[in-house]
PDB file of N, CA and C in Angstrom:
ATOM      1  N   MET A   1       3.100   4.902   4.662  1.00  0.00           N
ATOM      2  CA  MET A   1       2.267   5.596   3.320  1.00  0.00           C
ATOM      3  C   MET A   1       2.862   6.881   3.372  1.00  0.00           C
ATOM      4  N   LYS A   2       3.534   7.173   2.186  1.00  0.00           N
ATOM      5  CA  LYS A   2       3.898   8.427   1.872  1.00  0.00           C
ATOM      6  C   LYS A   2       3.818   9.036   0.422  1.00  0.00           C
ATOM      7  N   GLN A   3       3.562  10.288   0.297  1.00  0.00           N
ATOM      8  CA  GLN A   3       3.546  10.746  -1.085  1.00  0.00           C
ATOM      9  C   GLN A   3       4.835  11.298  -1.235  1.00  0.00           C
ATOM     10  N   HIS A   4       5.391  11.251  -2.599  1.00  0.00           N
ATOM     11  CA  HIS A   4       6.756  11.571  -2.954  1.00  0.00           C
ATOM     12  C   HIS A   4       6.634  12.478  -4.415  1.00  0.00           C
ATOM     13  N   ASP A   5       7.499  13.698  -4.293  1.00  0.00           N
ATOM     14  CA  ASP A   5       7.380  14.520  -5.365  1.00  0.00           C
ATOM     15  C   ASP A   5       8.329  13.942  -6.493  1.00  0.00           C
ATOM     16  N   GLY A   6       8.048  13.027  -7.001  1.00  0.00           N
ATOM     17  CA  GLY A   6       9.094  12.415  -8.008  1.00  0.00           C
ATOM     18  C   GLY A   6       9.950  11.393  -7.638  1.00  0.00           C
ATOM     19  N   LYS A   7      10.549  10.592  -8.556  1.00  0.00           N
ATOM     20  CA  LYS A   7      11.319   9.455  -8.151  1.00  0.00           C
ATOM     21  C   LYS A   7      12.384   9.792  -7.415  1.00  0.00           C
ATOM     22  N   ASP A   8      13.061  11.001  -7.307  1.00  0.00           N
ATOM     23  CA  ASP A   8      14.187  11.339  -6.679  1.00  0.00           C
ATOM     24  C   ASP A   8      14.110  11.926  -5.226  1.00  0.00           C
ATOM     25  N   ASP A   9      12.509  12.115  -4.891  1.00  0.00           N
ATOM     26  CA  ASP A   9      12.243  12.337  -3.299  1.00  0.00           C
ATOM     27  C   ASP A   9      12.272  11.207  -2.535  1.00  0.00           C
ATOM     28  N   GLU A  10      13.340  10.971  -1.965  1.00  0.00           N
ATOM     29  CA  GLU A  10      13.469   9.784  -1.039  1.00  0.00           C
ATOM     30  C   GLU A  10      12.751   9.762   0.118  1.00  0.00           C
ATOM     31  N   GLU A  11      12.559  11.041   0.646  1.00  0.00           N
ATOM     32  CA  GLU A  11      12.061  11.269   1.914  1.00  0.00           C
ATOM     33  C   GLU A  11      10.281  11.150   2.129  1.00  0.00           C
ATOM     34  N   GLY A  12       9.925  12.107   1.206  1.00  0.00           N
ATOM     35  CA  GLY A  12       8.322  12.115   0.835  1.00  0.00           C
ATOM     36  C   GLY A  12       7.740  12.560   1.967  1.00  0.00           C
ATOM     37  N   GLU A  13       6.355  12.673   2.355  1.00  0.00           N
ATOM     38  CA  GLU A  13       5.670  13.035   3.440  1.00  0.00           C
ATOM     39  C   GLU A  13       4.519  12.150   3.742  1.00  0.00           C
ATOM     40  N   HIS A  14       3.943  11.960   4.902  1.00  0.00           N
ATOM     41  CA  HIS A  14       3.086  11.276   5.175  1.00  0.00           C
ATOM     42  C   HIS A  14       1.794  11.655   4.873  1.00  0.00           C
ATOM     43  N   ILE A  15       0.841  10.887   4.552  1.00  0.00           N
ATOM     44  CA  ILE A  15      -0.588  11.341   4.250  1.00  0.00           C
ATOM     45  C   ILE A  15      -1.281  11.642   5.538  1.00  0.00           C
ATOM     46  N   ASP A  16      -1.665  12.783   5.516  1.00  0.00           N
ATOM     47  CA  ASP A  16      -2.516  13.311   6.707  1.00  0.00           C
ATOM     48  C   ASP A  16      -3.713  12.515   7.156  1.00  0.00           C
ATOM     49  N   THR A  17      -3.613  12.118   8.347  1.00  0.00           N
ATOM     50  CA  THR A  17      -4.793  11.102   8.835  1.00  0.00           C
ATOM     51  C   THR A  17      -6.079  11.635   8.476  1.00  0.00           C
ATOM     52  N   HIS A  18      -6.450  12.983   8.410  1.00  0.00           N
ATOM     53  CA  HIS A  18      -7.820  13.527   8.152  1.00  0.00           C
ATOM     54  C   HIS A  18      -8.208  13.055   6.691  1.00  0.00           C
ATOM     55  N   ARG A  19      -7.189  12.436   5.889  1.00  0.00           N
ATOM     56  CA  ARG A  19      -7.439  12.203   4.417  1.00  0.00           C
ATOM     57  C   ARG A  19      -7.540  10.696   4.496  1.00  0.00           C
ATOM     58  N   ILE A  20      -7.536  10.030   5.406  1.00  0.00           N
ATOM     59  CA  ILE A  20      -7.957   8.395   5.472  1.00  0.00           C
ATOM     60  C   ILE A  20      -9.039   8.044   6.086  1.00  0.00           C
ATOM     61  N   LYS A  21      -9.858   7.345   5.416  1.00  0.00           N
ATOM     62  CA  LYS A  21     -11.182   6.616   5.858  1.00  0.00           C
ATOM     63  C   LYS A  21     -10.676   5.126   6.135  1.00  0.00           C
ATOM     64  N   LYS A  22     -11.175   4.662   7.442  1.00  0.00           N
ATOM     65  CA  LYS A  22     -10.728   3.463   7.841  1.00  0.00           C
ATOM     66  C   LYS A  22     -11.924   2.542   8.108  1.00  0.00           C
ATOM     67  N   GLY A  23     -11.941   1.535   7.779  1.00  0.00           N
ATOM     68  CA  GLY A  23     -12.856   0.373   8.045  1.00  0.00           C
ATOM     69  C   GLY A  23     -12.169  -1.021   8.326  1.00  0.00           C
ATOM     70  N   PRO A  24     -12.946  -1.896   8.459  1.00  0.00           N
ATOM     71  CA  PRO A  24     -12.377  -3.313   8.958  1.00  0.00           C
ATOM     72  C   PRO A  24     -11.524  -3.768   7.820  1.00  0.00           C
ATOM     73  N   LYS A  25     -10.183  -4.027   7.905  1.00  0.00           N
ATOM     74  CA  LYS A  25      -9.497  -4.481   6.890  1.00  0.00           C
ATOM     75  C   LYS A  25      -9.464  -3.536   5.729  1.00  0.00           C
ATOM     76  N   LEU A  26      -9.557  -2.201   5.812  1.00  0.00           N
ATOM     77  CA  LEU A  26      -9.581  -1.198   4.707  1.00  0.00           C
ATOM     78  C   LEU A  26      -9.023   0.108   5.162  1.00  0.00           C
ATOM     79  N   ARG A  27      -8.271   0.605   4.218  1.00  0.00           N
ATOM     80  CA  ARG A  27      -7.795   1.961   4.552  1.00  0.00           C
ATOM     81  C   ARG A  27      -7.981   2.782   3.161  1.00  0.00           C
ATOM     82  N   LEU A  28      -8.627   3.824   2.860  1.00  0.00           N
ATOM     83  CA  LEU A  28      -8.861   4.413   1.744  1.00  0.00           C
ATOM     84  C   LEU A  28      -8.242   5.961   1.936  1.00  0.00           C
ATOM     85  N   TYR A  29      -7.239   6.150   1.165  1.00  0.00           N
ATOM     86  CA  TYR A  29      -6.429   7.323   1.139  1.00  0.00           C
ATOM     87  C   TYR A  29      -6.895   8.228   0.169  1.00  0.00           C
ATOM     88  N   SER A  30      -7.070   9.530   0.371  1.00  0.00           N
ATOM     89  CA  SER A  30      -7.251  10.419  -0.265  1.00  0.00           C
ATOM     90  C   SER A  30      -5.939  11.398  -0.837  1.00  0.00           C
ATOM     91  N   VAL A  31      -5.272  11.013  -1.993  1.00  0.00           N
ATOM     92  CA  VAL A  31      -4.070  11.648  -2.145  1.00  0.00           C
ATOM     93  C   VAL A  31      -4.224  12.711  -3.240  1.00  0.00           C
ATOM     94  N   ASP A  32      -2.917  13.273  -3.338  1.00  0.00           N
ATOM     95  CA  ASP A  32      -2.782  14.381  -4.225  1.00  0.00           C
ATOM     96  C   ASP A  32      -2.440  13.877  -5.710  1.00  0.00           C
ATOM     97  N   PRO A  33      -2.957  14.595  -6.864  1.00  0.00           N
ATOM     98  CA  PRO A  33      -2.538  14.129  -8.120  1.00  0.00           C
ATOM     99  C   PRO A  33      -1.073  14.145  -8.452  1.00  0.00           C
ATOM    100  N   ASP A  34      -0.624  13.153  -9.181  1.00  0.00           N
ATOM    101  CA  ASP A  34       0.691  13.543 -10.021  1.00  0.00           C
ATOM    102  C   ASP A  34       1.850  13.011  -8.958  1.00  0.00           C
ATOM    103  N   LEU A  35       1.585  12.828  -7.519  1.00  0.00           N
ATOM    104  CA  LEU A  35       2.760  12.416  -6.644  1.00  0.00           C
ATOM    105  C   LEU A  35       2.890  10.904  -6.561  1.00  0.00           C
ATOM    106  N   LEU A  36       3.980  10.460  -6.323  1.00  0.00           N
ATOM    107  CA  LEU A  36       4.157   9.005  -6.071  1.00  0.00           C
ATOM    108  C   LEU A  36       3.853   8.678  -4.746  1.00  0.00           C
ATOM    109  N   ILE A  37       3.107   7.464  -4.687  1.00  0.00           N
ATOM    110  CA  ILE A  37       2.595   7.015  -3.537  1.00  0.00           C
ATOM    111  C   ILE A  37       3.370   5.770  -3.155  1.00  0.00           C
ATOM    112  N   ARG A  38       4.143   5.592  -2.085  1.00  0.00           N
ATOM    113  CA  ARG A  38       5.109   4.411  -1.735  1.00  0.00           C
ATOM    114  C   ARG A  38       4.586   3.754  -0.332  1.00  0.00           C
ATOM    115  N   VAL A  39       4.440   2.619  -0.329  1.00  0.00           N
ATOM    116  CA  VAL A  39       3.893   1.927   0.767  1.00  0.00           C
ATOM    117  C   VAL A  39       4.936   1.213   1.241  1.00  0.00           C
ATOM    118  N   THR A  40       5.074   1.267   2.666  1.00  0.00           N
ATOM    119  CA  THR A  40       6.193   0.511   3.477  1.00  0.00           C
ATOM    120  C   THR A  40       5.237  -0.419   4.287  1.00  0.00           C
ATOM    121  N   VAL A  41       5.497  -1.591   4.602  1.00  0.00           N
ATOM    122  CA  VAL A  41       4.849  -2.543   5.512  1.00  0.00           C
ATOM    123  C   VAL A  41       5.766  -2.975   6.509  1.00  0.00           C
ATOM    124  N   LYS A  42       5.500  -2.757   7.913  1.00  0.00           N
ATOM    125  CA  LYS A  42       6.556  -3.299   8.827  1.00  0.00           C
ATOM    126  C   LYS A  42       5.736  -4.438   9.643  1.00  0.00           C
ATOM    127  N   ASN A  43       6.626  -5.434  10.105  1.00  0.00           N
ATOM    128  CA  ASN A  43       6.334  -6.481  10.989  1.00  0.00           C
ATOM    129  C   ASN A  43       6.382  -5.815  12.178  1.00  0.00           C
ATOM    130  N   LEU A  44       5.118  -5.873  12.956  1.00  0.00           N
ATOM    131  CA  LEU A  44       5.098  -5.016  14.426  1.00  0.00           C
ATOM    132  C   LEU A  44       5.202  -6.196  15.363  1.00  0.00           C
ATOM    133  N   SER A  45       5.135  -7.464  15.162  1.00  0.00           N
ATOM    134  CA  SER A  45       5.159  -8.362  15.985  1.00  0.00           C
ATOM    135  C   SER A  45       6.590  -8.672  16.613  1.00  0.00           C
ATOM    136  N   SER A  46       6.694  -8.824  17.787  1.00  0.00           N
ATOM    137  CA  SER A  46       8.119  -8.920  18.566  1.00  0.00           C
ATOM    138  C   SER A  46       8.419 -10.439  18.794  1.00  0.00           C
ATOM    139  N   THR A  47       7.465 -11.220  18.279  1.00  0.00           N
ATOM    140  CA  THR A  47       7.592 -12.609  18.727  1.00  0.00           C
ATOM    141  C   THR A  47       7.609 -13.495  17.312  1.00  0.00           C
ATOM    142  N   ARG A  48       6.994 -13.096  16.081  1.00  0.00           N
ATOM    143  CA  ARG A  48       6.708 -13.996  15.249  1.00  0.00           C
ATOM    144  C   ARG A  48       7.302 -13.418  13.775  1.00  0.00           C
ATOM    145  N   ASP A  49       7.627 -14.196  12.775  1.00  0.00           N
ATOM    146  CA  ASP A  49       7.728 -13.733  11.503  1.00  0.00           C
ATOM    147  C   ASP A  49       6.496 -13.691  10.584  1.00  0.00           C
ATOM    148  N   ILE A  50       6.128 -13.035   9.626  1.00  0.00           N
ATOM    149  CA  ILE A  50       5.168 -13.110   8.714  1.00  0.00           C
ATOM    150  C   ILE A  50       5.475 -13.329   7.475  1.00  0.00           C
ATOM    151  N   SER A  51       4.452 -13.792   6.675  1.00  0.00           N
ATOM    152  CA  SER A  51       4.611 -13.818   5.217  1.00  0.00           C
ATOM    153  C   SER A  51       3.476 -13.027   4.769  1.00  0.00           C
ATOM    154  N   LEU A  52       3.670 -12.302   3.622  1.00  0.00           N
ATOM    155  CA  LEU A  52       2.685 -11.654   3.220  1.00  0.00           C
ATOM    156  C   LEU A  52       2.835 -11.522   1.518  1.00  0.00           C
ATOM    157  N   MET A  53       1.708 -11.388   0.793  1.00  0.00           N
ATOM    158  CA  MET A  53       1.817 -11.148  -0.673  1.00  0.00           C
ATOM    159  C   MET A  53       1.066  -9.941  -0.999  1.00  0.00           C
ATOM    160  N   PRO A  54       1.923  -8.875  -1.343  1.00  0.00           N
ATOM    161  CA  PRO A  54       1.326  -7.596  -2.198  1.00  0.00           C
ATOM    162  C   PRO A  54       0.593  -8.070  -3.620  1.00  0.00           C
ATOM    163  N   VAL A  55      -0.708  -7.468  -3.535  1.00  0.00           N
ATOM    164  CA  VAL A  55      -1.301  -7.693  -4.832  1.00  0.00           C
ATOM    165  C   VAL A  55      -1.901  -6.224  -5.266  1.00  0.00           C
ATOM    166  N   TYR A  56      -1.375  -5.866  -6.505  1.00  0.00           N
ATOM    167  CA  TYR A  56      -1.826  -4.688  -6.939  1.00  0.00           C
ATOM    168  C   TYR A  56      -3.255  -4.741  -7.615  1.00  0.00           C
ATOM    169  N   VAL A  57      -4.206  -4.002  -7.378  1.00  0.00           N
ATOM    170  CA  VAL A  57      -5.536  -4.050  -7.718  1.00  0.00           C
ATOM    171  C   VAL A  57      -5.983  -2.701  -8.473  1.00  0.00           C
ATOM    172  N   LYS A  58      -6.217  -3.072  -9.873  1.00  0.00           N
ATOM    173  CA  LYS A  58      -6.488  -2.015 -10.774  1.00  0.00           C
ATOM    174  C   LYS A  58      -7.851  -1.573 -10.577  1.00  0.00           C
ATOM    175  N   ASP A  59      -8.192  -0.465 -11.106  1.00  0.00           N
ATOM    176  CA  ASP A  59      -9.389   0.343 -10.837  1.00  0.00           C
ATOM    177  C   ASP A  59     -10.568  -0.717 -11.147  1.00  0.00           C
ATOM    178  N   ASN A  60     -10.406  -1.690 -12.210  1.00  0.00           N
ATOM    179  CA  ASN A  60     -11.557  -2.419 -12.580  1.00  0.00           C
ATOM    180  C   ASN A  60     -11.606  -3.696 -11.722  1.00  0.00           C
ATOM    181  N   GLY A  61     -10.607  -3.822 -10.739  1.00  0.00           N
ATOM    182  CA  GLY A  61     -10.708  -4.863  -9.719  1.00  0.00           C
ATOM    183  C   GLY A  61      -9.949  -5.944 -10.061  1.00  0.00           C
ATOM    184  N   GLU A  62      -9.181  -5.930 -11.276  1.00  0.00           N
ATOM    185  CA  GLU A  62      -8.249  -7.034 -11.611  1.00  0.00           C
ATOM    186  C   GLU A  62      -7.217  -7.029 -10.716  1.00  0.00           C
ATOM    187  N   GLU A  63      -6.743  -8.293 -10.296  1.00  0.00           N
ATOM    188  CA  GLU A  63      -5.566  -8.381  -9.490  1.00  0.00           C
ATOM    189  C   GLU A  63      -4.232  -8.911  -9.959  1.00  0.00           C
ATOM    190  N   GLU A  64      -3.202  -8.176  -9.709  1.00  0.00           N
ATOM    191  CA  GLU A  64      -1.894  -8.753 -10.185  1.00  0.00           C
ATOM    192  C   GLU A  64      -0.887  -8.927  -9.012  1.00  0.00           C
ATOM    193  N   PRO A  65      -0.850 -10.135  -8.688  1.00  0.00           N
ATOM    194  CA  PRO A  65      -0.083 -10.573  -7.548  1.00  0.00           C
ATOM    195  C   PRO A  65       1.371 -10.603  -7.693  1.00  0.00           C
ATOM    196  N   GLU A  66       2.018 -10.005  -6.478  1.00  0.00           N
ATOM    197  CA  GLU A  66       3.560 -10.226  -6.583  1.00  0.00           C
ATOM    198  C   GLU A  66       4.070 -11.459  -5.781  1.00  0.00           C
ATOM    199  N   ASP A  67       5.362 -11.548  -5.598  1.00  0.00           N
ATOM    200  CA  ASP A  67       5.955 -12.870  -4.909  1.00  0.00           C
ATOM    201  C   ASP A  67       5.754 -12.451  -3.419  1.00  0.00           C
ATOM    202  N   ILE A  68       5.668 -13.574  -2.771  1.00  0.00           N
ATOM    203  CA  ILE A  68       5.307 -13.685  -1.133  1.00  0.00           C
ATOM    204  C   ILE A  68       6.682 -13.219  -0.538  1.00  0.00           C
ATOM    205  N   VAL A  69       6.374 -12.226   0.381  1.00  0.00           N
ATOM    206  CA  VAL A  69       7.597 -11.657   1.213  1.00  0.00           C
ATOM    207  C   VAL A  69       7.743 -12.178   2.451  1.00  0.00           C
ATOM    208  N   GLU A  70       8.692 -12.628   3.058  1.00  0.00           N
ATOM    209  CA  GLU A  70       9.007 -12.970   4.637  1.00  0.00           C
ATOM    210  C   GLU A  70       9.477 -11.988   5.268  1.00  0.00           C
ATOM    211  N   LEU A  71       8.821 -11.589   6.347  1.00  0.00           N
ATOM    212  CA  LEU A  71       9.350 -10.331   7.159  1.00  0.00           C
ATOM    213  C   LEU A  71       9.602 -11.076   8.668  1.00  0.00           C
ATOM    214  N   LYS A  72      10.804 -10.872   8.989  1.00  0.00           N
ATOM    215  CA  LYS A  72      11.147 -11.264  10.362  1.00  0.00           C
ATOM    216  C   LYS A  72      10.723 -10.075  11.364  1.00  0.00           C
ATOM    217  N   SER A  73      10.586 -10.404  12.652  1.00  0.00           N
ATOM    218  CA  SER A  73       9.988  -9.102  13.718  1.00  0.00           C
ATOM    219  C   SER A  73      10.962  -7.811  13.496  1.00  0.00           C
ATOM    220  N   GLY A  74       9.982  -6.965  13.341  1.00  0.00           N
ATOM    221  CA  GLY A  74      10.720  -5.543  13.280  1.00  0.00           C
ATOM    222  C   GLY A  74      11.023  -5.059  11.763  1.00  0.00           C
ATOM    223  N   GLU A  75      11.069  -6.179  10.840  1.00  0.00           N
ATOM    224  CA  GLU A  75      11.619  -5.771   9.442  1.00  0.00           C
ATOM    225  C   GLU A  75      10.376  -5.029   8.667  1.00  0.00           C
ATOM    226  N   CYS A  76      10.973  -4.072   7.753  1.00  0.00           N
ATOM    227  CA  CYS A  76      10.150  -3.224   6.713  1.00  0.00           C
ATOM    228  C   CYS A  76      10.316  -3.784   5.320  1.00  0.00           C
ATOM    229  N   PHE A  77       9.533  -3.620   4.504  1.00  0.00           N
ATOM    230  CA  PHE A  77       9.320  -4.019   3.224  1.00  0.00           C
ATOM    231  C   PHE A  77       8.496  -3.036   2.368  1.00  0.00           C
ATOM    232  N   GLU A  78       9.176  -2.268   1.401  1.00  0.00           N
ATOM    233  CA  GLU A  78       8.571  -1.423   0.475  1.00  0.00           C
ATOM    234  C   GLU A  78       7.798  -2.315  -0.660  1.00  0.00           C
ATOM    235  N   LEU A  79       6.565  -1.855  -0.768  1.00  0.00           N
ATOM    236  CA  LEU A  79       5.956  -2.640  -1.832  1.00  0.00           C
ATOM    237  C   LEU A  79       6.529  -2.280  -3.170  1.00  0.00           C
ATOM    238  N   PRO A  80       6.202  -3.245  -4.123  1.00  0.00           N
ATOM    239  CA  PRO A  80       7.213  -3.486  -5.226  1.00  0.00           C
ATOM    240  C   PRO A  80       7.350  -2.102  -6.135  1.00  0.00           C
ATOM    241  N   PHE A  81       6.213  -1.541  -6.175  1.00  0.00           N
ATOM    242  CA  PHE A  81       6.098  -0.088  -7.028  1.00  0.00           C
ATOM    243  C   PHE A  81       5.381   0.877  -6.624  1.00  0.00           C
ATOM    244  N   PRO A  82       5.672   2.113  -6.838  1.00  0.00           N
ATOM    245  CA  PRO A  82       4.822   3.272  -6.153  1.00  0.00           C
ATOM    246  C   PRO A  82       3.747   3.355  -7.266  1.00  0.00           C
ATOM    247  N   LEU A  83       2.521   3.924  -6.405  1.00  0.00           N
ATOM    248  CA  LEU A  83       1.376   4.345  -7.402  1.00  0.00           C
ATOM    249  C   LEU A  83       1.244   5.743  -7.713  1.00  0.00           C
ATOM    250  N   GLN A  84       0.611   6.191  -8.507  1.00  0.00           N
ATOM    251  CA  GLN A  84       0.298   7.485  -8.979  1.00  0.00           C
ATOM    252  C   GLN A  84      -0.970   7.688  -9.619  1.00  0.00           C
ATOM    253  N   LYS A  85      -1.686   8.862  -8.825  1.00  0.00           N
ATOM    254  CA  LYS A  85      -2.839   9.030  -9.384  1.00  0.00           C
ATOM    255  C   LYS A  85      -2.996  10.361 -10.326  1.00  0.00           C
ATOM    256  N   GLU A  86      -3.633  10.363 -11.335  1.00  0.00           N
ATOM    257  CA  GLU A  86      -3.901  11.423 -12.405  1.00  0.00           C
ATOM    258  C   GLU A  86      -5.212  11.835 -12.139  1.00  0.00           C
ATOM    259  N   ALA A  87      -5.442  13.173 -12.600  1.00  0.00           N
ATOM    260  CA  ALA A  87      -6.805  13.731 -12.613  1.00  0.00           C
ATOM    261  C   ALA A  87      -7.753  12.947 -13.281  1.00  0.00           C
ATOM    262  N   GLY A  88      -8.943  12.535 -12.868  1.00  0.00           N
ATOM    263  CA  GLY A  88      -9.849  11.692 -13.550  1.00  0.00           C
ATOM    264  C   GLY A  88      -9.789  10.399 -13.525  1.00  0.00           C
ATOM    265  N   GLU A  89      -8.618   9.793 -12.688  1.00  0.00           N
ATOM    266  CA  GLU A  89      -8.326   8.481 -12.764  1.00  0.00           C
ATOM    267  C   GLU A  89      -9.182   7.644 -11.499  1.00  0.00           C
ATOM    268  N   GLU A  90      -9.618   6.749 -11.886  1.00  0.00           N
ATOM    269  CA  GLU A  90     -10.425   5.724 -10.749  1.00  0.00           C
ATOM    270  C   GLU A  90      -9.585   5.270  -9.631  1.00  0.00           C
ATOM    271  N   GLU A  91     -10.153   4.933  -8.546  1.00  0.00           N
ATOM    272  CA  GLU A  91      -9.504   4.351  -7.406  1.00  0.00           C
ATOM    273  C   GLU A  91      -8.743   2.976  -7.774  1.00  0.00           C
ATOM    274  N   ASP A  92      -7.545   2.927  -7.311  1.00  0.00           N
ATOM    275  CA  ASP A  92      -6.779   1.427  -7.279  1.00  0.00           C
ATOM    276  C   ASP A  92      -6.111   1.404  -5.934  1.00  0.00           C
ATOM    277  N   GLY A  93      -5.367   0.427  -5.868  1.00  0.00           N
ATOM    278  CA  GLY A  93      -4.552   0.183  -4.761  1.00  0.00           C
ATOM    279  C   GLY A  93      -3.952  -1.286  -4.587  1.00  0.00           C
ATOM    280  N   TRP A  94      -3.638  -1.556  -3.305  1.00  0.00           N
ATOM    281  CA  TRP A  94      -2.997  -2.916  -3.081  1.00  0.00           C
ATOM    282  C   TRP A  94      -3.931  -3.683  -2.057  1.00  0.00           C
ATOM    283  N   ALA A  95      -3.749  -4.891  -2.272  1.00  0.00           N
ATOM    284  CA  ALA A  95      -4.606  -5.892  -1.285  1.00  0.00           C
ATOM    285  C   ALA A  95      -3.139  -6.652  -0.742  1.00  0.00           C
ATOM    286  N   ILE A  96      -3.170  -6.667   0.804  1.00  0.00           N
ATOM    287  CA  ILE A  96      -2.046  -7.215   1.362  1.00  0.00           C
ATOM    288  C   ILE A  96      -2.827  -8.679   1.896  1.00  0.00           C
ATOM    289  N   LYS A  97      -2.252  -9.948   1.256  1.00  0.00           N
ATOM    290  CA  LYS A  97      -2.732 -11.100   1.527  1.00  0.00           C
ATOM    291  C   LYS A  97      -1.804 -11.920   2.302  1.00  0.00           C
ATOM    292  N   ASP A  98      -2.280 -12.950   3.159  1.00  0.00           N
ATOM    293  CA  ASP A  98      -1.572 -13.739   3.932  1.00  0.00           C
ATOM    294  C   ASP A  98      -0.777 -15.107   3.114  1.00  0.00           C
ATOM    295  N   SER A  99      -0.233 -15.828   3.530  1.00  0.00           N
ATOM    296  CA  SER A  99       0.305 -16.819   2.831  1.00  0.00           C
ATOM    297  C   SER A  99      -0.541 -17.865   2.372  1.00  0.00           C
ATOM    298  N   GLU A 100      -1.951 -17.844   2.776  1.00  0.00           N
ATOM    299  CA  GLU A 100      -2.998 -18.796   2.297  1.00  0.00           C
ATOM    300  C   GLU A 100      -3.884 -18.130   1.284  1.00  0.00           C
ATOM    301  N   GLY A 101      -3.433 -16.710   0.881  1.00  0.00           N
ATOM    302  CA  GLY A 101      -4.152 -15.984   0.018  1.00  0.00           C
ATOM    303  C   GLY A 101      -5.370 -15.359   0.511  1.00  0.00           C
ATOM    304  N   LYS A 102      -5.674 -15.063   1.712  1.00  0.00           N
ATOM    305  CA  LYS A 102      -6.728 -14.267   2.421  1.00  0.00           C
ATOM    306  C   LYS A 102      -6.296 -12.859   2.411  1.00  0.00           C
ATOM    307  N   THR A 103      -7.017 -12.062   2.119  1.00  0.00           N
ATOM    308  CA  THR A 103      -6.893 -10.621   2.020  1.00  0.00           C
ATOM    309  C   THR A 103      -6.988 -10.251   3.538  1.00  0.00           C
ATOM    310  N   VAL A 104      -5.830  -9.599   4.147  1.00  0.00           N
ATOM    311  CA  VAL A 104      -5.779  -9.119   5.653  1.00  0.00           C
ATOM    312  C   VAL A 104      -5.940  -7.653   5.612  1.00  0.00           C
ATOM    313  N   LEU A 105      -5.772  -6.873   4.450  1.00  0.00           N
ATOM    314  CA  LEU A 105      -5.800  -5.444   4.524  1.00  0.00           C
ATOM    315  C   LEU A 105      -5.822  -4.874   3.016  1.00  0.00           C
ATOM    316  N   LYS A 106      -6.722  -3.919   2.874  1.00  0.00           N
ATOM    317  CA  LYS A 106      -6.885  -3.419   1.377  1.00  0.00           C
ATOM    318  C   LYS A 106      -6.390  -1.869   1.469  1.00  0.00           C
ATOM    319  N   LEU A 107      -5.602  -1.407   0.762  1.00  0.00           N
ATOM    320  CA  LEU A 107      -5.138  -0.187   0.685  1.00  0.00           C
ATOM    321  C   LEU A 107      -5.497   0.507  -0.533  1.00  0.00           C
ATOM    322  N   ARG A 108      -6.460   1.398  -0.517  1.00  0.00           N
ATOM    323  CA  ARG A 108      -6.886   1.981  -1.732  1.00  0.00           C
ATOM    324  C   ARG A 108      -6.781   3.503  -1.893  1.00  0.00           C
ATOM    325  N   PHE A 109      -6.405   3.920  -3.009  1.00  0.00           N
ATOM    326  CA  PHE A 109      -6.235   5.235  -3.427  1.00  0.00           C
ATOM    327  C   PHE A 109      -7.256   6.150  -4.081  1.00  0.00           C
ATOM    328  N   THR A 110      -7.611   7.221  -3.985  1.00  0.00           N
ATOM    329  CA  THR A 110      -8.389   7.902  -4.664  1.00  0.00           C
ATOM    330  C   THR A 110      -7.855   9.421  -4.693  1.00  0.00           C
ATOM    331  N   LEU A 111      -8.544  10.477  -5.636  1.00  0.00           N
ATOM    332  CA  LEU A 111      -8.332  11.640  -5.374  1.00  0.00           C
ATOM    333  C   LEU A 111      -9.245  12.579  -4.684  1.00  0.00           C
TER     334      LEU A 111
END
């Protein structure tokens, strides 16, 4: 999880851990306004491949699923598009679902 100062900022900066609230299957990130938020998922398993489906979740809860992604052991995948929060904007984020459509992790972003 990194914040980027525009589309040309390839390196970005990690979001400080004190700005993250964690719960079971949930991460709520407090981010800076107007920066791009790029999310990279990595398969940490050394023995098995995984399938996941990123789903963009709008501030009203409406879901926009993306294509299923197959990750081999150790592979990384950047979610299809960065998010950006503007002053006054409500919380939105990503749901990471398994191949059966079950949510395994919710990533939410707020100011």
